[in-house]
PDB file of N, CA and C in Angstrom:
ATOM      1  N   MET A   1     -71.209  96.916  29.748  1.00  0.00           N
ATOM      2  CA  MET A   1     -71.786  95.605  29.998  1.00  0.00           C
ATOM      3  C   MET A   1     -72.438  95.017  28.745  1.00  0.00           C
ATOM      4  N   VAL A   2     -72.141  95.513  27.601  1.00  0.00           N
ATOM      5  CA  VAL A   2     -72.713  95.017  26.363  1.00  0.00           C
ATOM      6  C   VAL A   2     -71.952  93.791  25.870  1.00  0.00           C
ATOM      7  N   VAL A   3     -70.677  93.691  26.184  1.00  0.00           N
ATOM      8  CA  VAL A   3     -69.842  92.612  25.673  1.00  0.00           C
ATOM      9  C   VAL A   3     -70.315  91.236  26.154  1.00  0.00           C
ATOM     10  N   PRO A   4     -70.645  91.023  27.437  1.00  0.00           N
ATOM     11  CA  PRO A   4     -71.130  89.691  27.837  1.00  0.00           C
ATOM     12  C   PRO A   4     -72.416  89.285  27.129  1.00  0.00           C
ATOM     13  N   GLN A   5     -73.312  90.240  26.920  1.00  0.00           N
ATOM     14  CA  GLN A   5     -74.550  89.935  26.205  1.00  0.00           C
ATOM     15  C   GLN A   5     -74.263  89.573  24.759  1.00  0.00           C
ATOM     16  N   LEU A   6     -73.347  90.274  24.144  1.00  0.00           N
ATOM     17  CA  LEU A   6     -72.965  89.998  22.763  1.00  0.00           C
ATOM     18  C   LEU A   6     -72.357  88.603  22.644  1.00  0.00           C
ATOM     19  N   ILE A   7     -71.496  88.258  23.569  1.00  0.00           N
ATOM     20  CA  ILE A   7     -70.885  86.919  23.565  1.00  0.00           C
ATOM     21  C   ILE A   7     -71.957  85.854  23.775  1.00  0.00           C
ATOM     22  N   PHE A   8     -72.864  86.091  24.691  1.00  0.00           N
ATOM     23  CA  PHE A   8     -73.942  85.137  24.955  1.00  0.00           C
ATOM     24  C   PHE A   8     -74.787  84.900  23.709  1.00  0.00           C
ATOM     25  N   PHE A   9     -75.203  85.971  23.052  1.00  0.00           N
ATOM     26  CA  PHE A   9     -76.044  85.828  21.863  1.00  0.00           C
ATOM     27  C   PHE A   9     -75.271  85.211  20.704  1.00  0.00           C
ATOM     28  N   ALA A  10     -73.987  85.470  20.621  1.00  0.00           N
ATOM     29  CA  ALA A  10     -73.164  84.842  19.584  1.00  0.00           C
ATOM     30  C   ALA A  10     -73.087  83.338  19.815  1.00  0.00           C
ATOM     31  N   VAL A  11     -72.902  82.928  21.054  1.00  0.00           N
ATOM     32  CA  VAL A  11     -72.850  81.499  21.377  1.00  0.00           C
ATOM     33  C   VAL A  11     -74.198  80.842  21.110  1.00  0.00           C
ATOM     34  N   VAL A  12     -75.275  81.486  21.470  1.00  0.00           N
ATOM     35  CA  VAL A  12     -76.612  80.952  21.209  1.00  0.00           C
ATOM     36  C   VAL A  12     -76.853  80.844  19.704  1.00  0.00           C
ATOM     37  N   GLY A  13     -76.422  81.840  18.956  1.00  0.00           N
ATOM     38  CA  GLY A  13     -76.579  81.802  17.506  1.00  0.00           C
ATOM     39  C   GLY A  13     -75.799  80.666  16.869  1.00  0.00           C
ATOM     40  N   VAL A  14     -74.573  80.457  17.297  1.00  0.00           N
ATOM     41  CA  VAL A  14     -73.758  79.360  16.758  1.00  0.00           C
ATOM     42  C   VAL A  14     -74.382  78.020  17.128  1.00  0.00           C
ATOM     43  N   ALA A  15     -74.844  77.870  18.346  1.00  0.00           N
ATOM     44  CA  ALA A  15     -75.478  76.620  18.769  1.00  0.00           C
ATOM     45  C   ALA A  15     -76.756  76.357  17.959  1.00  0.00           C
ATOM     46  N   ALA A  16     -77.517  77.391  17.701  1.00  0.00           N
ATOM     47  CA  ALA A  16     -78.738  77.237  16.906  1.00  0.00           C
ATOM     48  C   ALA A  16     -78.396  76.823  15.484  1.00  0.00           C
ATOM     49  N   TYR A  17     -77.377  77.401  14.903  1.00  0.00           N
ATOM     50  CA  TYR A  17     -76.967  77.061  13.540  1.00  0.00           C
ATOM     51  C   TYR A  17     -76.479  75.614  13.469  1.00  0.00           C
ATOM     52  N   VAL A  18     -75.673  75.200  14.410  1.00  0.00           N
ATOM     53  CA  VAL A  18     -75.171  73.820  14.434  1.00  0.00           C
ATOM     54  C   VAL A  18     -76.332  72.844  14.619  1.00  0.00           C
ATOM     55  N   GLY A  19     -77.255  73.162  15.484  1.00  0.00           N
ATOM     56  CA  GLY A  19     -78.428  72.314  15.676  1.00  0.00           C
ATOM     57  C   GLY A  19     -79.287  72.229  14.433  1.00  0.00           C
ATOM     58  N   TYR A  20     -79.449  73.340  13.747  1.00  0.00           N
ATOM     59  CA  TYR A  20     -80.228  73.364  12.513  1.00  0.00           C
ATOM     60  C   TYR A  20     -79.571  72.489  11.445  1.00  0.00           C
ATOM     61  N   ARG A  21     -78.269  72.603  11.290  1.00  0.00           N
ATOM     62  CA  ARG A  21     -77.548  71.804  10.291  1.00  0.00           C
ATOM     63  C   ARG A  21     -77.659  70.310  10.623  1.00  0.00           C
ATOM     64  N   ALA A  22     -77.567  69.950  11.894  1.00  0.00           N
ATOM     65  CA  ALA A  22     -77.710  68.551  12.292  1.00  0.00           C
ATOM     66  C   ALA A  22     -79.120  68.048  11.990  1.00  0.00           C
ATOM     67  N   PHE A  23     -80.113  68.884  12.240  1.00  0.00           N
ATOM     68  CA  PHE A  23     -81.497  68.520  11.948  1.00  0.00           C
ATOM     69  C   PHE A  23     -81.704  68.294  10.459  1.00  0.00           C
ATOM     70  N   VAL A  24     -81.183  69.177   9.625  1.00  0.00           N
ATOM     71  CA  VAL A  24     -81.329  69.049   8.175  1.00  0.00           C
ATOM     72  C   VAL A  24     -80.622  67.787   7.686  1.00  0.00           C
ATOM     73  N   ARG A  25     -79.432  67.517   8.189  1.00  0.00           N
ATOM     74  CA  ARG A  25     -78.686  66.325   7.789  1.00  0.00           C
ATOM     75  C   ARG A  25     -79.461  65.055   8.138  1.00  0.00           C
ATOM     76  N   GLU A  26     -80.028  65.014   9.322  1.00  0.00           N
ATOM     77  CA  GLU A  26     -80.807  63.847   9.746  1.00  0.00           C
ATOM     78  C   GLU A  26     -82.083  63.705   8.926  1.00  0.00           C
ATOM     79  N   ALA A  27     -82.733  64.825   8.626  1.00  0.00           N
ATOM     80  CA  ALA A  27     -83.945  64.777   7.811  1.00  0.00           C
ATOM     81  C   ALA A  27     -83.642  64.262   6.408  1.00  0.00           C
ATOM     82  N   GLU A  28     -82.521  64.666   5.831  1.00  0.00           N
ATOM     83  CA  GLU A  28     -82.134  64.171   4.506  1.00  0.00           C
ATOM     84  C   GLU A  28     -81.843  62.674   4.547  1.00  0.00           C
ATOM     85  N   ARG A  29     -81.195  62.220   5.621  1.00  0.00           N
ATOM     86  CA  ARG A  29     -80.875  60.801   5.760  1.00  0.00           C
ATOM     87  C   ARG A  29     -82.155  59.973   5.858  1.00  0.00           C
ATOM     88  N   VAL A  30     -83.099  60.428   6.663  1.00  0.00           N
ATOM     89  CA  VAL A  30     -84.357  59.700   6.846  1.00  0.00           C
ATOM     90  C   VAL A  30     -85.170  59.708   5.551  1.00  0.00           C
ATOM     91  N   THR A  31     -85.194  60.842   4.862  1.00  0.00           N
ATOM     92  CA  THR A  31     -85.927  60.930   3.603  1.00  0.00           C
ATOM     93  C   THR A  31     -85.345  59.972   2.571  1.00  0.00           C
ATOM     94  N   ALA A  32     -84.019  59.903   2.478  1.00  0.00           N
ATOM     95  CA  ALA A  32     -83.378  58.983   1.529  1.00  0.00           C
ATOM     96  C   ALA A  32     -83.706  57.531   1.878  1.00  0.00           C
ATOM     97  N   LYS A  33     -83.732  57.212   3.162  1.00  0.00           N
ATOM     98  CA  LYS A  33     -84.057  55.851   3.591  1.00  0.00           C
ATOM     99  C   LYS A  33     -85.495  55.500   3.221  1.00  0.00           C
ATOM    100  N   ILE A  34     -86.418  56.425   3.431  1.00  0.00           N
ATOM    101  CA  ILE A  34     -87.824  56.186   3.106  1.00  0.00           C
ATOM    102  C   ILE A  34     -87.996  56.001   1.602  1.00  0.00           C
ATOM    103  N   ARG A  35     -87.325  56.839   0.817  1.00  0.00           N
ATOM    104  CA  ARG A  35     -87.413  56.709  -0.644  1.00  0.00           C
ATOM    105  C   ARG A  35     -86.856  55.367  -1.114  1.00  0.00           C
ATOM    106  N   ARG A  36     -85.755  54.914  -0.506  1.00  0.00           N
ATOM    107  CA  ARG A  36     -85.198  53.601  -0.846  1.00  0.00           C
ATOM    108  C   ARG A  36     -86.195  52.498  -0.559  1.00  0.00           C
ATOM    109  N   HIS A  37     -86.821  52.561   0.606  1.00  0.00           N
ATOM    110  CA  HIS A  37     -87.797  51.537   0.982  1.00  0.00           C
ATOM    111  C   HIS A  37     -89.029  51.581   0.072  1.00  0.00           C
ATOM    112  N   GLU A  38     -89.462  52.776  -0.301  1.00  0.00           N
ATOM    113  CA  GLU A  38     -90.597  52.883  -1.221  1.00  0.00           C
ATOM    114  C   GLU A  38     -90.246  52.280  -2.579  1.00  0.00           C
ATOM    115  N   HIS A  39     -89.038  52.556  -3.047  1.00  0.00           N
ATOM    116  CA  HIS A  39     -88.604  52.013  -4.340  1.00  0.00           C
ATOM    117  C   HIS A  39     -88.506  50.490  -4.262  1.00  0.00           C
ATOM    118  N   GLN A  40     -87.998  49.977  -3.157  1.00  0.00           N
ATOM    119  CA  GLN A  40     -87.887  48.526  -2.994  1.00  0.00           C
ATOM    120  C   GLN A  40     -89.268  47.884  -2.949  1.00  0.00           C
ATOM    121  N   ALA A  41     -90.218  48.512  -2.299  1.00  0.00           N
ATOM    122  CA  ALA A  41     -91.577  47.973  -2.235  1.00  0.00           C
ATOM    123  C   ALA A  41     -92.235  48.018  -3.613  1.00  0.00           C
ATOM    124  N   ARG A  42     -91.967  49.082  -4.367  1.00  0.00           N
ATOM    125  CA  ARG A  42     -92.554  49.232  -5.688  1.00  0.00           C
ATOM    126  C   ARG A  42     -91.994  48.203  -6.675  1.00  0.00           C
ATOM    127  N   THR A  43     -90.686  47.914  -6.584  1.00  0.00           N
ATOM    128  CA  THR A  43     -90.058  46.998  -7.535  1.00  0.00           C
ATOM    129  C   THR A  43     -90.018  45.557  -7.040  1.00  0.00           C
ATOM    130  N   GLY A  44     -90.328  45.343  -5.774  1.00  0.00           N
ATOM    131  CA  GLY A  44     -90.344  43.989  -5.226  1.00  0.00           C
ATOM    132  C   GLY A  44     -88.977  43.469  -4.830  1.00  0.00           C
ATOM    133  N   THR A  45     -87.996  44.343  -4.671  1.00  0.00           N
ATOM    134  CA  THR A  45     -86.665  43.905  -4.247  1.00  0.00           C
ATOM    135  C   THR A  45     -86.608  43.833  -2.724  1.00  0.00           C
ATOM    136  N   SER A  46     -85.576  43.165  -2.218  1.00  0.00           N
ATOM    137  CA  SER A  46     -85.468  43.021  -0.769  1.00  0.00           C
ATOM    138  C   SER A  46     -84.256  43.737  -0.201  1.00  0.00           C
ATOM    139  N   GLY A  47     -83.626  44.617  -0.961  1.00  0.00           N
ATOM    140  CA  GLY A  47     -82.494  45.375  -0.450  1.00  0.00           C
ATOM    141  C   GLY A  47     -81.564  45.799  -1.566  1.00  0.00           C
ATOM    142  N   THR A  48     -80.515  46.516  -1.183  1.00  0.00           N
ATOM    143  CA  THR A  48     -79.520  46.988  -2.132  1.00  0.00           C
ATOM    144  C   THR A  48     -78.221  46.263  -1.860  1.00  0.00           C
ATOM    145  N   LEU A  49     -77.608  45.730  -2.906  1.00  0.00           N
ATOM    146  CA  LEU A  49     -76.341  45.044  -2.750  1.00  0.00           C
ATOM    147  C   LEU A  49     -75.192  46.043  -2.812  1.00  0.00           C
ATOM    148  N   VAL A  50     -74.219  45.834  -1.917  1.00  0.00           N
ATOM    149  CA  VAL A  50     -73.039  46.687  -1.844  1.00  0.00           C
ATOM    150  C   VAL A  50     -71.815  45.793  -1.923  1.00  0.00           C
ATOM    151  N   TYR A  51     -70.826  46.189  -2.742  1.00  0.00           N
ATOM    152  CA  TYR A  51     -69.614  45.404  -2.910  1.00  0.00           C
ATOM    153  C   TYR A  51     -68.692  45.610  -1.713  1.00  0.00           C
ATOM    154  N   ASP A  52     -68.185  44.520  -1.144  1.00  0.00           N
ATOM    155  CA  ASP A  52     -67.246  44.575  -0.040  1.00  0.00           C
ATOM    156  C   ASP A  52     -65.858  44.284  -0.597  1.00  0.00           C
ATOM    157  N   PRO A  53     -64.972  45.287  -0.661  1.00  0.00           N
ATOM    158  CA  PRO A  53     -63.655  45.072  -1.270  1.00  0.00           C
ATOM    159  C   PRO A  53     -62.759  44.132  -0.467  1.00  0.00           C
ATOM    160  N   LYS A  54     -62.989  43.995   0.829  1.00  0.00           N
ATOM    161  CA  LYS A  54     -62.155  43.107   1.649  1.00  0.00           C
ATOM    162  C   LYS A  54     -62.397  41.647   1.304  1.00  0.00           C
ATOM    163  N   THR A  55     -63.667  41.267   1.158  1.00  0.00           N
ATOM    164  CA  THR A  55     -63.995  39.870   0.894  1.00  0.00           C
ATOM    165  C   THR A  55     -64.236  39.597  -0.583  1.00  0.00           C
ATOM    166  N   GLY A  56     -64.483  40.661  -1.355  1.00  0.00           N
ATOM    167  CA  GLY A  56     -64.770  40.487  -2.768  1.00  0.00           C
ATOM    168  C   GLY A  56     -66.178  39.996  -3.034  1.00  0.00           C
ATOM    169  N   GLU A  57     -67.041  40.104  -2.055  1.00  0.00           N
ATOM    170  CA  GLU A  57     -68.414  39.628  -2.187  1.00  0.00           C
ATOM    171  C   GLU A  57     -69.392  40.796  -2.067  1.00  0.00           C
ATOM    172  N   TYR A  58     -70.593  40.563  -2.524  1.00  0.00           N
ATOM    173  CA  TYR A  58     -71.676  41.538  -2.367  1.00  0.00           C
ATOM    174  C   TYR A  58     -72.479  41.164  -1.144  1.00  0.00           C
ATOM    175  N   ARG A  59     -73.000  42.179  -0.458  1.00  0.00           N
ATOM    176  CA  ARG A  59     -73.836  41.944   0.715  1.00  0.00           C
ATOM    177  C   ARG A  59     -74.940  42.986   0.713  1.00  0.00           C
ATOM    178  N   LEU A  60     -75.973  42.759   1.511  1.00  0.00           N
ATOM    179  CA  LEU A  60     -77.050  43.741   1.622  1.00  0.00           C
ATOM    180  C   LEU A  60     -76.560  44.962   2.380  1.00  0.00           C
ATOM    181  N   ALA A  61     -76.948  46.130   1.899  1.00  0.00           N
ATOM    182  CA  ALA A  61     -76.546  47.383   2.550  1.00  0.00           C
ATOM    183  C   ALA A  61     -77.237  47.502   3.897  1.00  0.00           C
ATOM    184  N   LYS A  62     -76.505  48.035   4.871  1.00  0.00           N
ATOM    185  CA  LYS A  62     -77.076  48.268   6.189  1.00  0.00           C
ATOM    186  C   LYS A  62     -77.686  49.660   6.218  1.00  0.00           C
ATOM    187  N   ASP A  63     -78.854  49.789   6.831  1.00  0.00           N
ATOM    188  CA  ASP A  63     -79.501  51.102   6.936  1.00  0.00           C
ATOM    189  C   ASP A  63     -79.076  51.822   8.171  1.00  0.00           C
TER     190      ASP A  63
END
């Protein structure tokens, strides 16, 4: 009866790892957004321009 327990703990371990990676990815995204906003406040800018290849125009980046 060791095999079902082993499978259970393996599944829990994989789920924990996937959840941890998702958490780290989201934390990095939020940190980058905060740093961008801090830099914009420090320099007095109102956003970052991004080139749109379809229209050939620049637009404000979406957060």
